[in-house]
């Protein structure tokens, strides 16, 4: 109920961020070619084989009021990366605003009281109920990213994958 209340009726002079991580996004290189369908038609398609070129983790924040997305890719999924990401996002936000962060109960999101203390109550964490991380609106954006930029795509390297993710973030923030 607390999370839904933040969405529907955010505190005055505050920003609400929906934050989560999308781990282990694979840079799969998929060859394409011509294949014959069951009906005998020849079509160009992705072949079923692929080469793995590494993985990236993505941490992202959706500013609920504006729809602005902040995102960063990392090679590993560590608490320090999560904290650095939030530090960078908070540095871009107006200094006179309280920040309410909606998170799931993943281990890197817990045990951050020392980090929160440096923001002197300006930043507050609000956790979705156990098994209800779907309440976190950034999950909707992750679904769009997957469907529109990642699914069926071919990436020869982690750098190409990172570039595709960054381009999707930029496109999102244009609208």
Protein backbone atom coordinates (compact mmCIF):
# COMPACT_ATOMS: atom_id res chain seq x y z
CA UNK A 1 0.00 0.00 0.00
CA UNK A 2 2.90 2.36 0.78
CA UNK A 3 4.38 1.92 -2.72
CA UNK A 4 1.06 2.50 -4.46
CA UNK A 5 0.52 5.59 -2.32
CA UNK A 6 3.85 7.00 -3.55
CA UNK A 7 2.72 6.50 -7.15
CA UNK A 8 -0.75 7.94 -6.70
CA UNK A 9 -0.05 10.70 -4.20
CA UNK A 10 3.67 11.53 -3.96
CA UNK A 11 4.77 13.81 -1.12
CA UNK A 12 4.95 17.52 -1.93
CA UNK A 13 8.44 18.76 -2.85
CA UNK A 14 9.60 15.20 -3.50
CA UNK A 15 10.60 12.99 -6.40
CA UNK A 16 9.74 9.31 -6.63
CA UNK A 17 12.18 6.97 -8.35
CA UNK A 18 11.45 3.38 -9.32
CA UNK A 19 14.80 1.54 -9.27
CA UNK A 20 15.89 -2.00 -10.07
CA UNK A 21 18.50 -4.07 -11.80
CA UNK A 22 18.26 -6.28 -14.87
CA UNK A 23 21.07 -8.80 -14.45
CA UNK A 24 23.03 -10.86 -16.94
CA UNK A 25 21.85 -9.41 -20.25
CA UNK A 26 23.61 -11.57 -22.81
CA UNK A 27 25.42 -10.19 -25.84
CA UNK A 28 24.36 -12.93 -28.23
CA UNK A 29 25.64 -12.88 -31.78
CA UNK A 30 23.06 -14.49 -34.03
CA UNK A 31 23.93 -15.26 -37.63
CA UNK A 32 21.26 -14.67 -40.21
CA UNK A 33 20.73 -16.43 -43.48
CA UNK A 34 18.18 -17.91 -45.79
CA UNK A 35 16.05 -20.80 -44.59
CA UNK A 36 13.33 -22.85 -46.21
CA UNK A 37 10.01 -22.94 -44.37
CA UNK A 38 7.75 -25.99 -44.13
CA UNK A 39 5.71 -24.60 -47.03
CA UNK A 40 8.81 -24.41 -49.23
CA UNK A 41 9.20 -20.63 -49.15
CA UNK A 42 12.72 -19.28 -48.75
CA UNK A 43 12.98 -16.42 -46.25
CA UNK A 44 15.75 -14.50 -44.53
CA UNK A 45 15.81 -15.23 -40.81
CA UNK A 46 18.00 -15.53 -37.74
CA UNK A 47 19.56 -18.94 -37.41
CA UNK A 48 18.99 -20.86 -34.20
CA UNK A 49 22.69 -20.99 -33.37
CA UNK A 50 24.42 -18.15 -31.58
CA UNK A 51 27.71 -17.16 -30.00
CA UNK A 52 27.86 -15.75 -26.47
CA UNK A 53 29.95 -12.59 -26.19
CA UNK A 54 29.58 -11.89 -22.47
CA UNK A 55 26.96 -10.30 -20.25
CA UNK A 56 26.14 -6.90 -18.82
CA UNK A 57 24.08 -5.93 -15.82
CA UNK A 58 21.80 -2.92 -16.04
CA UNK A 59 20.68 -0.75 -13.15
CA UNK A 60 18.01 1.81 -13.97
CA UNK A 61 15.81 4.41 -12.32
CA UNK A 62 12.51 5.73 -13.63
CA UNK A 63 11.50 9.16 -12.36
CA UNK A 64 7.78 8.61 -11.97
CA UNK A 65 6.54 12.17 -12.56
CA UNK A 66 8.56 12.89 -15.71
CA UNK A 67 9.21 9.44 -17.19
CA UNK A 68 12.95 10.23 -17.32
CA UNK A 69 15.10 7.08 -17.23
CA UNK A 70 18.59 6.98 -15.75
CA UNK A 71 20.59 3.86 -16.54
CA UNK A 72 24.05 2.41 -16.20
CA UNK A 73 25.56 -0.88 -17.30
CA UNK A 74 28.06 -2.74 -15.16
CA UNK A 75 30.09 -5.91 -15.59
CA UNK A 76 29.26 -7.19 -12.13
CA UNK A 77 26.26 -6.85 -9.84
CA UNK A 78 27.66 -5.41 -6.61
CA UNK A 79 26.34 -3.17 -3.87
CA UNK A 80 29.10 -0.62 -4.61
CA UNK A 81 27.92 -0.35 -8.25
CA UNK A 82 24.34 0.14 -7.06
CA UNK A 83 25.39 2.89 -4.64
CA UNK A 84 27.57 4.65 -7.25
CA UNK A 85 24.63 4.61 -9.66
CA UNK A 86 22.30 6.17 -7.09
CA UNK A 87 24.94 8.77 -6.19
CA UNK A 88 25.13 9.78 -9.87
CA UNK A 89 21.34 9.96 -10.24
CA UNK A 90 20.89 11.97 -7.05
CA UNK A 91 23.60 14.41 -8.19
CA UNK A 92 21.44 15.20 -11.27
CA UNK A 93 18.26 15.85 -9.27
CA UNK A 94 17.29 19.20 -7.72
CA UNK A 95 18.99 19.57 -4.33
CA UNK A 96 15.83 20.91 -2.68
CA UNK A 97 13.78 17.75 -3.35
CA UNK A 98 13.27 14.75 -1.10
CA UNK A 99 13.85 11.51 -2.98
CA UNK A 100 11.72 8.43 -2.41
CA UNK A 101 13.20 5.30 -3.98
CA UNK A 102 11.01 2.26 -4.66
CA UNK A 103 12.99 -1.00 -4.65
CA UNK A 104 12.47 -4.73 -4.42
CA UNK A 105 14.02 -6.80 -1.64
CA UNK A 106 17.16 -7.86 -3.52
CA UNK A 107 20.24 -8.16 -1.30
CA UNK A 108 22.14 -5.21 -2.86
CA UNK A 109 19.18 -2.97 -2.01
CA UNK A 110 19.22 -3.96 1.66
CA UNK A 111 21.74 -3.01 4.34
CA UNK A 112 22.38 0.49 2.97
CA UNK A 113 21.76 2.47 6.16
CA UNK A 114 25.34 3.82 6.15
CA UNK A 115 24.90 5.05 2.56
CA UNK A 116 21.47 6.57 3.33
CA UNK A 117 22.93 8.39 6.36
CA UNK A 118 25.16 10.54 4.15
CA UNK A 119 22.02 12.01 2.58
CA UNK A 120 20.65 13.05 6.00
CA UNK A 121 17.11 11.76 5.47
CA UNK A 122 16.80 13.38 2.01
CA UNK A 123 16.68 9.90 0.46
CA UNK A 124 14.27 7.23 1.69
CA UNK A 125 13.97 3.65 0.50
CA UNK A 126 10.55 1.98 0.16
CA UNK A 127 10.51 -1.76 -0.52
CA UNK A 128 7.89 -3.62 -2.50
CA UNK A 129 6.32 -6.53 -0.61
CA UNK A 130 8.06 -9.89 -0.96
CA UNK A 131 7.16 -11.56 -4.28
CA UNK A 132 5.59 -8.33 -5.55
CA UNK A 133 8.50 -6.67 -7.34
CA UNK A 134 6.13 -6.32 -10.31
CA UNK A 135 4.75 -3.30 -8.41
CA UNK A 136 7.98 -1.52 -9.28
CA UNK A 137 7.25 0.51 -12.43
CA UNK A 138 10.81 0.23 -13.78
CA UNK A 139 9.86 -3.39 -14.56
CA UNK A 140 7.52 -2.08 -17.27
CA UNK A 141 10.40 -0.19 -18.84
CA UNK A 142 12.62 -3.30 -18.65
CA UNK A 143 9.92 -5.14 -20.59
CA UNK A 144 9.90 -2.45 -23.28
CA UNK A 145 13.70 -2.55 -23.50
CA UNK A 146 13.63 -6.32 -23.91
CA UNK A 147 10.90 -6.34 -26.57
CA UNK A 148 12.05 -3.33 -28.59
CA UNK A 149 15.86 -3.41 -28.36
CA UNK A 150 17.14 -6.77 -27.15
CA UNK A 151 14.93 -9.67 -28.24
CA UNK A 152 16.14 -11.16 -31.51
CA UNK A 153 18.98 -8.66 -31.83
CA UNK A 154 22.56 -9.66 -32.54
CA UNK A 155 25.53 -8.21 -30.65
CA UNK A 156 29.13 -9.03 -31.60
CA UNK A 157 30.40 -7.62 -28.29
CA UNK A 158 29.39 -6.27 -24.91
CA UNK A 159 30.18 -2.80 -26.26
CA UNK A 160 27.56 -3.23 -29.01
CA UNK A 161 25.04 -4.37 -26.39
CA UNK A 162 25.89 -1.38 -24.18
CA UNK A 163 25.46 0.98 -27.16
CA UNK A 164 22.03 -0.52 -27.95
CA UNK A 165 20.90 -0.09 -24.33
CA UNK A 166 22.19 3.51 -24.21
CA UNK A 167 20.41 4.30 -27.50
CA UNK A 168 17.14 2.92 -26.12
CA UNK A 169 17.52 5.03 -22.96
CA UNK A 170 18.17 8.13 -25.08
CA UNK A 171 15.11 7.38 -27.25
CA UNK A 172 12.99 6.86 -24.13
CA UNK A 173 14.11 10.22 -22.73
CA UNK A 174 13.22 12.07 -25.95
CA UNK A 175 9.54 11.33 -25.40
